[in-house]
Structures are given as structure tokens and as C-alpha cells.
N, C-alpha and C. Protein backbone atom coordinates (compact mmCIF):
# COMPACT_ATOMS: atom_id res chain seq x y z
N MET A 1 193.41 71.56 129.34
CA MET A 1 194.73 71.99 129.90
C MET A 1 195.51 70.85 130.86
N ILE A 2 196.87 70.68 130.34
CA ILE A 2 197.63 69.88 131.27
C ILE A 2 198.02 70.46 132.40
N MET A 3 197.99 69.75 133.34
CA MET A 3 198.40 70.49 134.85
C MET A 3 199.70 69.99 135.22
N ARG A 4 200.85 70.76 135.55
CA ARG A 4 201.81 70.35 135.72
C ARG A 4 202.15 70.37 137.46
N PRO A 5 202.90 69.57 137.78
CA PRO A 5 203.39 69.35 139.29
C PRO A 5 203.82 70.59 139.87
N HIS A 6 203.65 70.77 140.99
CA HIS A 6 204.29 71.84 141.57
C HIS A 6 206.01 71.78 141.35
N ASP A 7 206.51 72.95 141.69
CA ASP A 7 207.96 73.04 141.64
C ASP A 7 208.62 72.67 142.69
N ALA A 8 209.77 72.50 143.14
CA ALA A 8 210.64 71.79 143.87
C ALA A 8 210.34 72.60 145.18
N MET A 9 209.87 73.84 145.25
CA MET A 9 209.73 74.51 146.49
C MET A 9 208.43 74.23 147.16
N SER A 10 207.43 73.55 146.46
CA SER A 10 206.21 73.30 146.90
C SER A 10 206.11 71.84 147.48
N GLU A 11 204.86 71.69 148.08
CA GLU A 11 204.67 70.18 148.70
C GLU A 11 204.50 69.24 147.67
N THR A 12 204.76 68.09 147.97
CA THR A 12 204.72 66.91 146.93
C THR A 12 203.28 66.55 146.80
N ILE A 13 203.00 66.41 145.45
CA ILE A 13 201.63 66.17 145.17
C ILE A 13 201.22 64.64 145.21
N THR A 14 200.37 64.15 145.77
CA THR A 14 199.94 62.71 145.98
C THR A 14 198.50 62.49 145.55
N CYS A 15 197.96 61.30 145.08
CA CYS A 15 196.59 60.99 144.84
C CYS A 15 195.96 61.28 146.33
N ARG A 16 194.75 61.97 146.36
CA ARG A 16 193.86 62.09 147.43
C ARG A 16 192.97 61.37 147.59
N ARG A 17 192.78 60.44 146.63
CA ARG A 17 191.65 59.23 146.57
C ARG A 17 190.17 60.10 146.68
N CYS A 18 190.16 60.98 145.70
CA CYS A 18 189.09 61.93 146.00
C CYS A 18 187.69 61.35 145.08
N GLY A 19 188.33 60.35 144.03
CA GLY A 19 187.70 59.63 143.19
C GLY A 19 187.04 60.52 141.98
N THR A 20 187.50 61.71 141.84
CA THR A 20 186.94 62.43 140.76
C THR A 20 187.39 61.68 139.36
N CYS A 21 188.45 61.31 139.26
CA CYS A 21 188.73 60.48 138.11
C CYS A 21 188.03 59.31 137.62
N CYS A 22 187.72 58.54 138.54
CA CYS A 22 186.99 57.28 138.74
C CYS A 22 185.51 57.59 138.19
N ALA A 23 185.17 58.77 138.85
CA ALA A 23 183.66 59.13 138.55
C ALA A 23 183.61 59.48 137.24
N LYS A 24 184.66 59.98 136.48
CA LYS A 24 184.33 60.54 135.10
C LYS A 24 184.19 59.40 134.14
N GLY A 25 184.30 58.01 134.46
CA GLY A 25 184.31 56.83 133.52
C GLY A 25 185.42 55.94 133.56
N GLY A 26 185.31 54.93 133.18
CA GLY A 26 186.41 53.93 132.91
C GLY A 26 187.53 53.86 132.08
N PRO A 27 188.68 53.65 132.10
CA PRO A 27 189.58 53.65 131.15
C PRO A 27 189.38 53.05 130.09
N ALA A 28 190.16 53.54 128.81
CA ALA A 28 190.35 52.74 127.60
C ALA A 28 191.29 51.45 128.01
N LEU A 29 191.27 50.37 127.35
CA LEU A 29 192.17 49.49 127.58
C LEU A 29 193.16 49.25 126.35
N HIS A 30 194.42 48.92 126.53
CA HIS A 30 195.51 48.74 125.64
C HIS A 30 196.03 47.28 125.72
N LEU A 31 196.90 47.04 124.64
CA LEU A 31 197.39 45.51 124.50
C LEU A 31 197.79 45.05 125.86
N GLU A 32 198.75 46.09 126.48
CA GLU A 32 199.03 45.64 127.76
C GLU A 32 198.30 45.10 128.77
N ASP A 33 196.80 45.43 128.57
CA ASP A 33 195.84 45.18 129.68
C ASP A 33 195.18 43.66 129.30
N LEU A 34 195.48 43.14 128.07
CA LEU A 34 195.10 41.97 127.65
C LEU A 34 195.09 40.75 128.54
N PRO A 35 196.16 40.59 129.50
CA PRO A 35 196.35 39.71 130.55
C PRO A 35 195.20 39.82 131.54
N LEU A 36 194.65 40.85 131.57
CA LEU A 36 193.73 40.93 132.70
C LEU A 36 192.19 40.30 132.25
N LEU A 37 191.98 40.33 130.96
CA LEU A 37 191.10 39.55 130.35
C LEU A 37 191.39 37.89 130.36
N ARG A 38 192.55 37.57 130.14
CA ARG A 38 192.92 36.17 129.91
C ARG A 38 193.03 35.76 131.38
N GLY A 39 193.33 36.57 132.34
CA GLY A 39 193.23 35.93 133.67
C GLY A 39 192.02 36.21 134.51
N GLU A 40 190.98 36.58 133.62
CA GLU A 40 189.58 36.74 134.12
C GLU A 40 189.46 37.73 135.19
N VAL A 41 190.32 38.63 135.29
CA VAL A 41 190.07 39.95 136.15
C VAL A 41 189.02 40.71 135.75
N LEU A 42 189.05 40.70 134.18
CA LEU A 42 187.93 41.44 133.61
C LEU A 42 187.10 40.67 132.78
N SER A 43 185.71 40.81 132.54
CA SER A 43 185.09 39.90 131.63
C SER A 43 184.50 40.60 130.52
N LYS A 44 184.12 40.32 129.43
CA LYS A 44 183.69 40.80 128.44
C LYS A 44 182.39 41.84 128.72
N GLY A 45 181.75 41.21 129.77
CA GLY A 45 180.39 42.08 130.17
C GLY A 45 180.96 43.30 130.84
N ASP A 46 182.12 43.33 131.31
CA ASP A 46 182.46 44.54 132.09
C ASP A 46 183.01 45.72 131.01
N LEU A 47 182.90 45.36 129.57
CA LEU A 47 183.37 46.26 128.61
C LEU A 47 182.53 46.62 127.56
N TYR A 48 182.82 47.89 126.79
CA TYR A 48 181.92 48.19 125.80
C TYR A 48 182.90 48.65 124.86
N THR A 49 182.37 48.67 123.55
CA THR A 49 183.32 49.16 122.55
C THR A 49 182.90 50.47 121.81
N LEU A 50 183.83 51.54 121.66
CA LEU A 50 183.68 52.59 120.75
C LEU A 50 184.26 52.18 119.33
N ARG A 51 183.40 52.47 118.50
CA ARG A 51 183.94 51.91 117.00
C ARG A 51 184.78 52.93 116.28
N LEU A 52 185.46 52.30 115.26
CA LEU A 52 186.04 53.05 114.43
C LEU A 52 185.18 54.30 113.86
N GLY A 53 185.62 55.55 113.78
CA GLY A 53 184.84 56.53 113.21
C GLY A 53 183.63 57.09 114.30
N GLU A 54 183.69 56.61 115.35
CA GLU A 54 182.51 56.94 116.21
C GLU A 54 183.01 58.41 116.92
N PRO A 55 182.20 59.43 117.04
CA PRO A 55 182.49 60.53 117.73
C PRO A 55 182.60 60.54 119.33
N VAL A 56 183.76 60.80 119.98
CA VAL A 56 183.90 60.59 121.41
C VAL A 56 184.53 62.06 121.84
N PHE A 57 184.17 62.15 123.28
CA PHE A 57 184.87 63.33 123.91
C PHE A 57 186.28 63.10 124.15
N ASP A 58 187.58 63.66 123.84
CA ASP A 58 188.79 63.40 123.96
C ASP A 58 189.16 64.47 125.34
N GLN A 59 189.53 63.93 126.52
CA GLN A 59 189.44 64.69 127.57
C GLN A 59 190.71 65.36 127.40
N ILE A 60 191.73 64.80 126.66
CA ILE A 60 193.12 65.35 126.65
C ILE A 60 192.81 66.48 125.71
N LEU A 61 192.22 66.48 124.62
CA LEU A 61 192.24 67.54 123.53
C LEU A 61 191.08 68.61 124.11
N GLY A 62 190.06 68.22 124.98
CA GLY A 62 189.05 68.98 125.21
C GLY A 62 187.91 69.26 124.33
N ARG A 63 187.86 68.10 123.28
CA ARG A 63 186.85 68.58 122.29
C ARG A 63 186.43 66.84 121.76
N VAL A 64 185.22 66.96 120.85
CA VAL A 64 184.84 65.91 120.50
C VAL A 64 185.65 65.44 119.14
N VAL A 65 186.01 64.24 118.93
CA VAL A 65 186.77 63.68 117.83
C VAL A 65 186.30 62.53 117.24
N LEU A 66 186.38 61.99 116.01
CA LEU A 66 185.97 61.03 115.55
C LEU A 66 187.13 59.91 115.67
N LEU A 67 186.99 58.71 116.33
CA LEU A 67 188.12 57.79 116.46
C LEU A 67 188.68 57.36 115.13
N ALA A 68 190.02 57.37 115.38
CA ALA A 68 190.72 56.76 114.40
C ALA A 68 190.77 55.11 114.44
N SER A 69 190.72 54.74 115.55
CA SER A 69 190.74 53.21 115.51
C SER A 69 189.71 52.93 116.74
N GLU A 70 189.18 51.61 116.69
CA GLU A 70 188.20 51.25 117.86
C GLU A 70 188.83 51.25 119.38
N CYS A 71 187.95 51.43 120.24
CA CYS A 71 188.51 51.63 121.52
C CYS A 71 187.52 50.82 122.56
N VAL A 72 188.26 49.90 123.14
CA VAL A 72 187.54 49.03 124.27
C VAL A 72 187.57 49.64 125.63
N LYS A 73 186.60 49.83 126.12
CA LYS A 73 186.65 50.38 127.54
C LYS A 73 185.93 49.75 128.56
N ILE A 74 186.19 50.08 130.00
CA ILE A 74 185.28 49.71 131.04
C ILE A 74 184.07 50.30 131.29
N ARG A 75 183.01 49.61 131.48
CA ARG A 75 181.73 50.25 131.41
C ARG A 75 181.45 51.07 132.61
N SER A 76 180.48 51.90 132.58
CA SER A 76 180.31 52.73 133.51
C SER A 76 178.86 52.20 134.27
N VAL A 77 178.59 52.54 135.42
CA VAL A 77 177.59 52.31 136.38
C VAL A 77 176.28 52.69 135.37
N PRO A 78 175.30 52.11 135.44
CA PRO A 78 174.04 52.44 134.86
C PRO A 78 173.36 53.63 135.11
N ASP A 79 173.19 54.62 134.08
CA ASP A 79 172.75 56.02 134.59
C ASP A 79 173.62 56.72 135.30
N SER A 80 174.92 56.58 135.18
CA SER A 80 176.00 57.38 135.69
C SER A 80 177.23 57.13 134.94
N THR A 81 178.23 58.24 135.03
CA THR A 81 179.48 58.16 134.19
C THR A 81 180.43 57.39 134.99
N ALA A 82 180.22 56.72 136.14
CA ALA A 82 181.43 56.43 137.10
C ALA A 82 181.70 55.14 136.54
N CYS A 83 182.98 54.65 136.60
CA CYS A 83 183.56 53.50 136.21
C CYS A 83 182.74 52.19 137.20
N ILE A 84 182.46 50.99 136.69
CA ILE A 84 181.84 50.09 137.36
C ILE A 84 182.50 49.59 138.54
N PHE A 85 183.87 49.81 138.64
CA PHE A 85 184.55 49.25 139.74
C PHE A 85 185.03 50.19 140.73
N PHE A 86 184.44 51.40 140.50
CA PHE A 86 184.51 52.57 141.52
C PHE A 86 183.40 52.39 142.72
N ASP A 87 183.96 52.05 144.08
CA ASP A 87 183.28 52.27 145.05
C ASP A 87 183.04 53.80 145.62
N SER A 88 181.97 54.22 145.44
CA SER A 88 181.80 55.68 145.80
C SER A 88 181.59 55.92 147.39
N LYS A 89 181.43 55.07 148.04
CA LYS A 89 181.30 55.21 149.48
C LYS A 89 182.53 54.97 150.21
N GLU A 90 183.37 54.13 149.73
CA GLU A 90 184.69 54.14 150.21
C GLU A 90 185.75 54.90 149.48
N SER A 91 185.23 55.46 148.25
CA SER A 91 186.40 56.09 147.22
C SER A 91 187.44 55.05 147.06
N ALA A 92 187.12 53.85 146.55
CA ALA A 92 187.96 53.06 146.25
C ALA A 92 187.81 52.43 145.00
N CYS A 93 188.90 51.72 144.48
CA CYS A 93 188.74 50.88 143.26
C CYS A 93 188.67 49.34 143.51
N GLY A 94 187.47 48.98 142.84
CA GLY A 94 187.78 47.33 143.19
C GLY A 94 188.65 46.37 142.46
N LEU A 95 189.42 46.91 141.58
CA LEU A 95 190.42 46.17 141.00
C LEU A 95 191.94 46.84 141.03
N TYR A 96 192.21 47.56 142.07
CA TYR A 96 193.16 48.45 142.18
C TYR A 96 194.54 47.92 142.08
N ALA A 97 194.70 46.58 142.57
CA ALA A 97 196.10 45.91 142.40
C ALA A 97 196.22 45.36 141.00
N SER A 98 195.27 45.35 140.30
CA SER A 98 195.33 45.05 138.88
C SER A 98 194.63 45.91 137.98
N ARG A 99 194.75 47.05 138.03
CA ARG A 99 194.13 48.15 137.47
C ARG A 99 194.76 48.38 136.29
N PRO A 100 193.99 48.84 135.12
CA PRO A 100 194.39 48.83 133.70
C PRO A 100 195.69 50.04 133.69
N VAL A 101 196.51 49.94 132.87
CA VAL A 101 197.52 50.78 132.44
C VAL A 101 197.10 52.18 132.39
N GLU A 102 196.05 52.56 131.99
CA GLU A 102 195.58 54.22 131.91
C GLU A 102 195.66 54.54 133.24
N CYS A 103 194.90 53.65 133.99
CA CYS A 103 194.61 53.89 135.76
C CYS A 103 195.89 54.24 136.36
N ARG A 104 196.87 53.38 135.96
CA ARG A 104 198.19 53.29 136.63
C ARG A 104 198.95 54.69 136.16
N ALA A 105 198.56 55.10 134.99
CA ALA A 105 199.47 56.15 134.51
C ALA A 105 198.69 57.55 135.01
N LEU A 106 197.45 57.57 135.32
CA LEU A 106 196.83 58.86 135.62
C LEU A 106 197.16 59.51 136.81
N GLN A 107 197.58 60.79 136.60
CA GLN A 107 197.67 61.72 137.76
C GLN A 107 196.95 63.21 137.25
N CYS A 108 195.95 63.24 138.00
CA CYS A 108 195.17 64.39 137.66
C CYS A 108 195.91 65.82 137.74
N TRP A 109 197.08 65.88 138.41
CA TRP A 109 197.64 67.00 138.55
C TRP A 109 198.78 67.16 137.32
N ASP A 110 199.05 65.99 136.49
CA ASP A 110 200.00 66.06 135.56
C ASP A 110 199.43 64.92 134.56
N THR A 111 198.89 65.29 133.60
CA THR A 111 198.28 64.31 132.39
C THR A 111 199.36 63.93 131.37
N ARG A 112 200.45 64.38 131.48
CA ARG A 112 201.65 63.89 130.33
C ARG A 112 201.68 62.47 130.43
N ALA A 113 201.72 61.60 131.41
CA ALA A 113 202.15 60.25 131.47
C ALA A 113 200.73 59.48 130.91
N LEU A 114 199.56 60.01 131.26
CA LEU A 114 198.25 59.48 130.58
C LEU A 114 198.28 59.71 129.09
N ALA A 115 198.80 60.85 128.65
CA ALA A 115 198.72 61.37 127.21
C ALA A 115 199.46 60.43 126.50
N GLU A 116 200.82 60.10 127.09
CA GLU A 116 201.74 59.10 126.47
C GLU A 116 201.31 57.66 126.47
N VAL A 117 200.60 57.14 127.32
CA VAL A 117 199.97 55.95 127.30
C VAL A 117 198.69 55.98 126.29
N SER A 118 198.16 56.91 126.14
CA SER A 118 196.83 56.90 125.24
C SER A 118 197.35 56.79 123.74
N ARG A 119 198.61 56.94 123.58
CA ARG A 119 199.09 56.93 122.00
C ARG A 119 199.89 55.52 121.81
N GLN A 120 199.60 54.65 122.92
CA GLN A 120 200.05 53.31 122.65
C GLN A 120 198.82 52.59 122.03
N PRO A 121 198.78 51.33 121.39
CA PRO A 121 198.07 50.50 120.64
C PRO A 121 196.93 50.30 121.69
N GLY A 122 195.84 50.61 121.06
CA GLY A 122 194.65 50.18 122.04
C GLY A 122 194.14 48.83 121.65
N LEU A 123 193.45 48.24 122.80
CA LEU A 123 192.86 46.98 122.53
C LEU A 123 191.49 46.98 121.61
N SER A 124 191.55 46.10 120.61
CA SER A 124 190.47 45.86 119.85
C SER A 124 189.61 44.58 120.23
N ARG A 125 188.44 44.54 119.53
CA ARG A 125 187.59 43.33 120.05
C ARG A 125 188.11 42.05 119.31
N PHE A 126 188.98 42.19 118.02
CA PHE A 126 189.50 41.09 117.59
C PHE A 126 190.66 40.36 118.49
N GLU A 127 191.54 41.33 119.55
CA GLU A 127 192.28 40.67 120.22
C GLU A 127 191.74 40.24 121.38
N VAL A 128 190.47 40.25 121.60
CA VAL A 128 189.91 39.81 122.88
C VAL A 128 189.07 38.42 122.08
N VAL A 129 188.55 38.28 121.04
CA VAL A 129 187.68 37.14 120.65
C VAL A 129 188.50 36.45 119.59
N GLY A 130 189.57 36.93 118.81
CA GLY A 130 190.20 36.20 117.97
C GLY A 130 189.91 36.69 116.61
N THR A 131 190.24 36.14 115.44
CA THR A 131 190.15 36.78 114.22
C THR A 131 189.47 35.81 113.26
N GLU A 132 189.36 34.53 113.61
CA GLU A 132 188.85 33.50 112.81
C GLU A 132 188.01 32.70 113.34
N ASN A 133 186.76 33.27 113.72
CA ASN A 133 185.77 32.32 114.46
C ASN A 133 184.58 32.97 114.10
N ALA A 134 183.32 32.48 114.80
CA ALA A 134 182.04 33.22 114.50
C ALA A 134 181.95 34.51 114.99
N TRP A 135 182.47 34.73 115.95
CA TRP A 135 182.43 35.90 116.56
C TRP A 135 182.97 37.11 115.84
N ALA A 136 184.15 36.72 115.23
CA ALA A 136 184.82 37.68 114.50
C ALA A 136 184.11 38.04 113.19
N ALA A 137 183.64 36.81 112.45
CA ALA A 137 182.66 37.21 111.52
C ALA A 137 181.50 37.81 111.66
N LEU A 138 180.85 37.72 112.86
CA LEU A 138 179.78 38.82 113.12
C LEU A 138 180.03 40.14 113.35
N ILE A 139 181.33 40.37 113.88
CA ILE A 139 181.81 41.77 114.01
C ILE A 139 182.03 42.36 112.71
N ARG A 140 182.45 41.57 111.66
CA ARG A 140 183.00 42.09 110.60
C ARG A 140 181.68 42.51 109.79
N GLU A 141 180.77 41.47 109.74
CA GLU A 141 179.31 41.67 109.27
C GLU A 141 178.66 42.89 109.46
N HIS A 142 178.63 43.08 111.02
CA HIS A 142 177.93 44.33 111.55
C HIS A 142 178.74 45.71 111.17
N GLU A 143 179.92 45.61 111.04
CA GLU A 143 180.63 46.55 110.77
C GLU A 143 180.51 46.86 109.22
N ALA A 144 180.51 46.15 108.38
CA ALA A 144 179.95 46.30 106.83
C ALA A 144 178.63 46.75 106.67
N ARG A 145 177.74 46.64 107.60
CA ARG A 145 176.45 47.31 107.20
C ARG A 145 176.25 48.27 108.29
N CYS A 146 177.06 48.60 109.22
CA CYS A 146 176.86 49.54 110.25
C CYS A 146 177.92 50.63 110.33
N GLY A 147 178.92 50.48 109.61
CA GLY A 147 180.04 51.27 109.88
C GLY A 147 179.94 52.70 110.10
N CYS A 148 180.63 53.49 110.78
CA CYS A 148 180.38 54.71 111.12
C CYS A 148 180.55 55.83 110.01
N ALA A 149 181.56 55.43 109.06
CA ALA A 149 182.09 56.17 107.94
C ALA A 149 180.79 56.25 107.09
N ASP A 150 180.30 55.02 106.71
CA ASP A 150 179.23 55.01 105.92
C ASP A 150 177.95 55.77 106.51
N LEU A 151 177.67 55.48 107.83
CA LEU A 151 176.55 56.20 108.53
C LEU A 151 176.86 57.74 108.29
N LEU A 152 177.84 58.24 108.49
CA LEU A 152 178.12 59.65 108.40
C LEU A 152 178.01 60.09 107.03
N GLN A 153 178.33 59.33 105.96
CA GLN A 153 178.14 59.76 104.59
C GLN A 153 176.53 59.79 104.35
N LEU A 154 176.06 58.74 104.79
CA LEU A 154 174.25 59.03 104.52
C LEU A 154 173.69 60.36 105.29
N LEU A 155 174.50 60.63 106.50
CA LEU A 155 173.96 62.05 107.18
C LEU A 155 174.22 63.00 106.28
N ARG A 156 175.23 63.15 105.87
CA ARG A 156 175.75 64.22 105.00
C ARG A 156 175.01 64.35 103.79
N SER A 157 174.51 63.06 103.11
CA SER A 157 173.50 63.12 101.97
C SER A 157 172.47 63.64 102.23
N ASN A 158 171.64 63.31 103.39
CA ASN A 158 170.39 64.05 103.79
C ASN A 158 169.40 63.70 102.58
N THR A 159 169.34 62.87 101.89
CA THR A 159 168.30 62.43 100.99
C THR A 159 167.09 61.63 101.52
N ASP A 160 166.00 61.51 100.89
CA ASP A 160 165.25 60.34 101.18
C ASP A 160 165.60 58.94 101.35
N GLN A 161 166.42 58.52 100.37
CA GLN A 161 167.02 57.37 100.48
C GLN A 161 168.07 57.11 101.48
N ALA A 162 168.80 58.20 101.76
CA ALA A 162 169.88 58.11 102.62
C ALA A 162 169.20 58.14 104.18
N ARG A 163 168.12 58.57 104.30
CA ARG A 163 167.36 58.58 105.60
C ARG A 163 166.70 56.86 105.59
N MET A 164 166.34 56.79 104.67
CA MET A 164 165.97 55.25 104.75
C MET A 164 166.81 54.14 104.94
N SER A 165 168.13 54.20 104.42
CA SER A 165 169.21 53.47 104.60
C SER A 165 169.67 53.64 106.23
N LEU A 166 169.53 54.82 106.67
CA LEU A 166 169.90 55.03 108.16
C LEU A 166 168.94 54.12 109.21
N ARG A 167 167.64 54.20 108.59
CA ARG A 167 166.60 53.52 109.25
C ARG A 167 166.78 51.97 109.29
N ASP A 168 167.32 51.57 108.11
CA ASP A 168 167.36 50.19 107.97
C ASP A 168 168.45 49.67 108.74
N ALA A 169 169.61 50.41 108.66
CA ALA A 169 170.90 50.01 109.55
C ALA A 169 170.32 50.01 111.02
N ALA A 170 169.71 50.90 111.40
CA ALA A 170 169.21 50.86 112.84
C ALA A 170 168.52 49.58 113.19
N ALA A 171 167.42 49.34 112.39
CA ALA A 171 166.61 48.28 112.34
C ALA A 171 167.51 46.96 112.47
N TYR A 172 168.35 46.86 111.65
CA TYR A 172 169.15 45.64 111.66
C TYR A 172 169.92 45.57 112.80
N ASP A 173 170.62 46.60 113.37
CA ASP A 173 171.44 46.48 114.40
C ASP A 173 170.52 45.91 115.53
N ALA A 174 169.50 46.80 115.85
CA ALA A 174 168.32 46.46 117.12
C ALA A 174 167.85 45.13 116.98
N ALA A 175 167.49 44.45 115.64
CA ALA A 175 167.32 42.83 115.53
C ALA A 175 168.08 42.00 115.86
N LEU A 176 169.37 42.37 115.57
CA LEU A 176 170.55 41.49 115.60
C LEU A 176 170.82 41.34 117.16
N ARG A 177 170.62 42.58 118.00
CA ARG A 177 170.99 42.36 119.42
C ARG A 177 169.68 41.69 119.94
N ASP A 178 168.68 41.57 119.36
CA ASP A 178 167.55 40.81 119.95
C ASP A 178 167.49 39.46 120.03
N VAL A 179 168.03 39.05 118.57
CA VAL A 179 168.54 37.61 118.45
C VAL A 179 169.55 37.05 119.28
N LEU A 180 170.66 37.86 119.41
CA LEU A 180 171.69 37.30 120.13
C LEU A 180 171.15 36.94 121.79
N VAL A 181 170.34 38.02 122.12
CA VAL A 181 169.87 37.70 123.50
C VAL A 181 168.98 36.38 123.64
N GLU A 182 168.00 36.38 122.55
CA GLU A 182 166.98 35.48 122.56
C GLU A 182 167.99 34.05 122.61
N ARG A 183 169.21 33.84 121.99
CA ARG A 183 170.12 32.68 121.87
C ARG A 183 171.00 32.62 123.07
N GLY A 184 170.79 33.52 124.10
CA GLY A 184 171.35 33.18 125.34
C GLY A 184 172.72 34.28 125.72
N MET A 185 172.89 35.17 124.73
CA MET A 185 173.93 36.01 125.16
C MET A 185 173.52 37.35 126.26
N ALA A 186 174.38 37.35 127.16
CA ALA A 186 173.94 38.22 128.46
C ALA A 186 173.90 39.64 127.74
N PRO A 187 172.94 40.47 127.83
CA PRO A 187 172.66 41.67 127.43
C PRO A 187 173.91 42.58 127.58
N GLY A 188 174.49 42.41 128.91
CA GLY A 188 175.68 43.33 129.16
C GLY A 188 176.80 43.10 128.13
N ARG A 189 176.94 41.97 127.29
CA ARG A 189 177.93 41.82 126.38
C ARG A 189 177.90 42.32 125.19
N LEU A 190 176.68 42.86 124.91
CA LEU A 190 176.43 43.42 123.61
C LEU A 190 177.29 44.46 123.05
N GLU A 191 177.24 45.34 124.10
CA GLU A 191 178.04 46.62 123.68
C GLU A 191 179.41 46.50 123.52
N PHE A 192 179.91 45.34 124.24
CA PHE A 192 181.57 45.09 123.66
C PHE A 192 181.28 44.24 122.38
N LEU A 193 180.41 43.34 122.00
CA LEU A 193 180.60 42.65 120.93
C LEU A 193 180.26 43.75 119.53
N LEU A 194 179.20 44.53 119.77
CA LEU A 194 178.57 45.26 118.66
C LEU A 194 178.83 46.91 118.87
N GLY A 195 179.24 47.18 119.94
CA GLY A 195 179.39 48.68 120.17
C GLY A 195 178.09 49.14 120.81
N ARG A 196 177.99 50.48 120.84
CA ARG A 196 176.80 51.05 121.35
C ARG A 196 175.45 50.73 120.30
N PRO A 197 174.37 50.83 120.94
CA PRO A 197 173.10 50.74 120.13
C PRO A 197 173.22 51.84 118.83
N LEU A 198 173.12 51.32 117.63
CA LEU A 198 173.27 52.08 116.48
C LEU A 198 172.38 53.66 116.65
N ASP A 199 171.33 53.61 117.34
CA ASP A 199 170.49 54.63 117.21
C ASP A 199 171.30 55.73 117.81
N ALA A 200 172.07 55.46 118.97
CA ALA A 200 172.75 56.37 119.77
C ALA A 200 173.93 56.93 119.07
N VAL A 201 174.45 56.03 118.30
CA VAL A 201 175.68 56.33 117.22
C VAL A 201 175.36 57.37 116.39
N ILE A 202 174.17 56.91 115.56
CA ILE A 202 173.66 57.93 114.56
C ILE A 202 173.48 59.38 115.36
N ARG A 203 172.93 59.37 116.43
CA ARG A 203 172.71 60.60 117.10
C ARG A 203 174.07 61.32 117.42
N GLY A 204 174.85 60.65 117.84
CA GLY A 204 176.17 61.36 117.97
C GLY A 204 176.95 61.93 116.73
N LEU A 205 176.86 60.96 115.86
CA LEU A 205 177.27 61.56 114.53
C LEU A 205 176.59 62.72 113.54
N ALA A 206 175.19 62.78 114.12
CA ALA A 206 174.49 64.01 113.73
C ALA A 206 174.92 65.31 114.25
N ARG A 207 175.16 65.00 115.70
CA ARG A 207 175.57 66.06 116.43
C ARG A 207 176.96 66.66 116.07
N TRP A 208 177.78 65.73 115.67
CA TRP A 208 179.24 65.92 115.40
C TRP A 208 179.30 66.64 114.21
N ARG A 209 178.37 66.16 113.02
CA ARG A 209 178.12 66.97 111.90
C ARG A 209 177.63 68.35 111.72
N SER A 210 176.90 68.53 112.73
CA SER A 210 176.34 70.07 113.03
C SER A 210 177.22 70.95 113.42
N LEU A 211 178.36 70.63 114.15
CA LEU A 211 179.29 71.39 115.01
C LEU A 211 179.76 72.19 114.08
N PRO A 212 179.78 73.69 114.55
CA PRO A 212 180.59 74.66 113.73
C PRO A 212 181.95 74.47 113.80
N ALA A 213 182.86 74.92 112.88
CA ALA A 213 184.06 74.96 113.03
C ALA A 213 184.74 75.64 114.02
N GLY A 214 185.61 74.98 114.81
CA GLY A 214 186.42 75.75 115.93
C GLY A 214 185.64 75.69 117.23
N LYS A 215 184.28 74.98 117.13
CA LYS A 215 183.74 74.92 118.38
C LYS A 215 183.64 73.45 118.89
N SER A 216 182.98 73.22 120.26
CA SER A 216 183.21 71.85 120.69
C SER A 216 181.87 71.58 121.42
N LEU A 217 181.84 70.31 121.74
CA LEU A 217 180.56 69.77 122.26
C LEU A 217 181.00 68.73 123.47
N PRO A 218 179.95 68.76 124.38
CA PRO A 218 180.06 67.93 125.49
C PRO A 218 180.21 66.40 125.13
N ASP A 219 180.69 65.62 126.08
CA ASP A 219 180.48 64.28 125.80
C ASP A 219 178.97 63.78 125.16
N PRO A 220 179.41 63.14 124.02
CA PRO A 220 178.06 62.73 123.36
C PRO A 220 177.37 61.64 124.14
N ASP A 221 176.11 61.60 123.78
CA ASP A 221 175.34 60.62 124.48
C ASP A 221 175.67 59.27 124.13
């Protein structure tokens, strides 16, 4: 539900710094936020990627949808939904002066500005790493072997061969992550480069596929 501001006869609404928004998770990034990475306000280790076709909970629509394009977001605190830059003790943001565009647009009492921002072009991995280098090639190879549309088709097939293909894709994804860490990549950067571990993505797709028409699900694992 979109919350509307009070009418002219009511008191002015302002942020009370309760931290509820920040505790629900970090923002998605947009092209306007790219200078935060170039200026090293944010690092790749601060981010994770939700890939094309991945099921996610849309807070504006209030239901789980399949992403129409990939989405790079600021990570959450481990074992929590809170944004990594949220200081719960002080109820404060660690990068408030340079916060992303979604954070600047968010007003919990009126989400229209956030809805407008969410329609702007989202930041993709290729805008961050470039398009013609080894990292870009690795991302493309991973997508070719682990693309969400293909995974969903395998889940729909529900044959022995399809189940074997799903296991092979998950094993490839896990092995690739192990190799990258062995070669010196910080584990925190893997979910930016490759997205969430494939076994978690497959579970989310399976839950989305089983969703009855007209129903919704909570935020997927």
C-alpha cells in the first residue's frame, strides 16, 4: 500500500530516524550511483547481485516477481536483513552524506518518489566491471551455464535428466566460487560477481513455481 502524506491540516511528516527502512535491507543501485563506486565510497565487497529472472520480493507490489533485469544491491549484515551501513545502536547511516539515490528518495509515509526511482535504469555488473575483460567474460560464461530462465525451465520439466542438469549447474557454480577464492578473491565479492549461490536461487525458483495463482510469498531465502 502506498502511504500518502498528511493533508494540509495535519502536522508535517519528517523522518523520525527509527531505522525501520534500513533494517529491511540495503537499496538497489542505479546508474546515478556509479560515482559511489568510482569514488570508492562503495566497494564490490559491499554489494551483491540479483540476476535476471531471479525471484525477489517487490516491496512496492507486495509480492514475489521474477526480475526483468539484473539488480545490484548493497549487502545486508550477516544473518540479518539490515543494511551493512546501518548502525542500529545509533539508528544512523554510515554513508548518509553519500547515500544511494533510492535512500535519498525513500519516505516511508509516501513511497511515490521511491517508486519513480525504481523505474530508472538499474546498475548492472557490466557497468561496474566493464564489458571487454576477463571478469565480463566470466560473468557471461556463468550466465550461459546457470541462467535463471534455463533453471526455471529445468524445474518445470521435472524429469530425471532435468534434475541431473540442475545438480550439475549447482556443482559448477559451487566449484567456480571455490576456485576464485583459492586464487585470492575475497569471499565477500563472490555474490557481486556471480550472484547468490545457485542452490539458493534454485530453491527460490522452485518456491516461485509452486506459488498458486493470485497468491504471494514472503521474501525468498
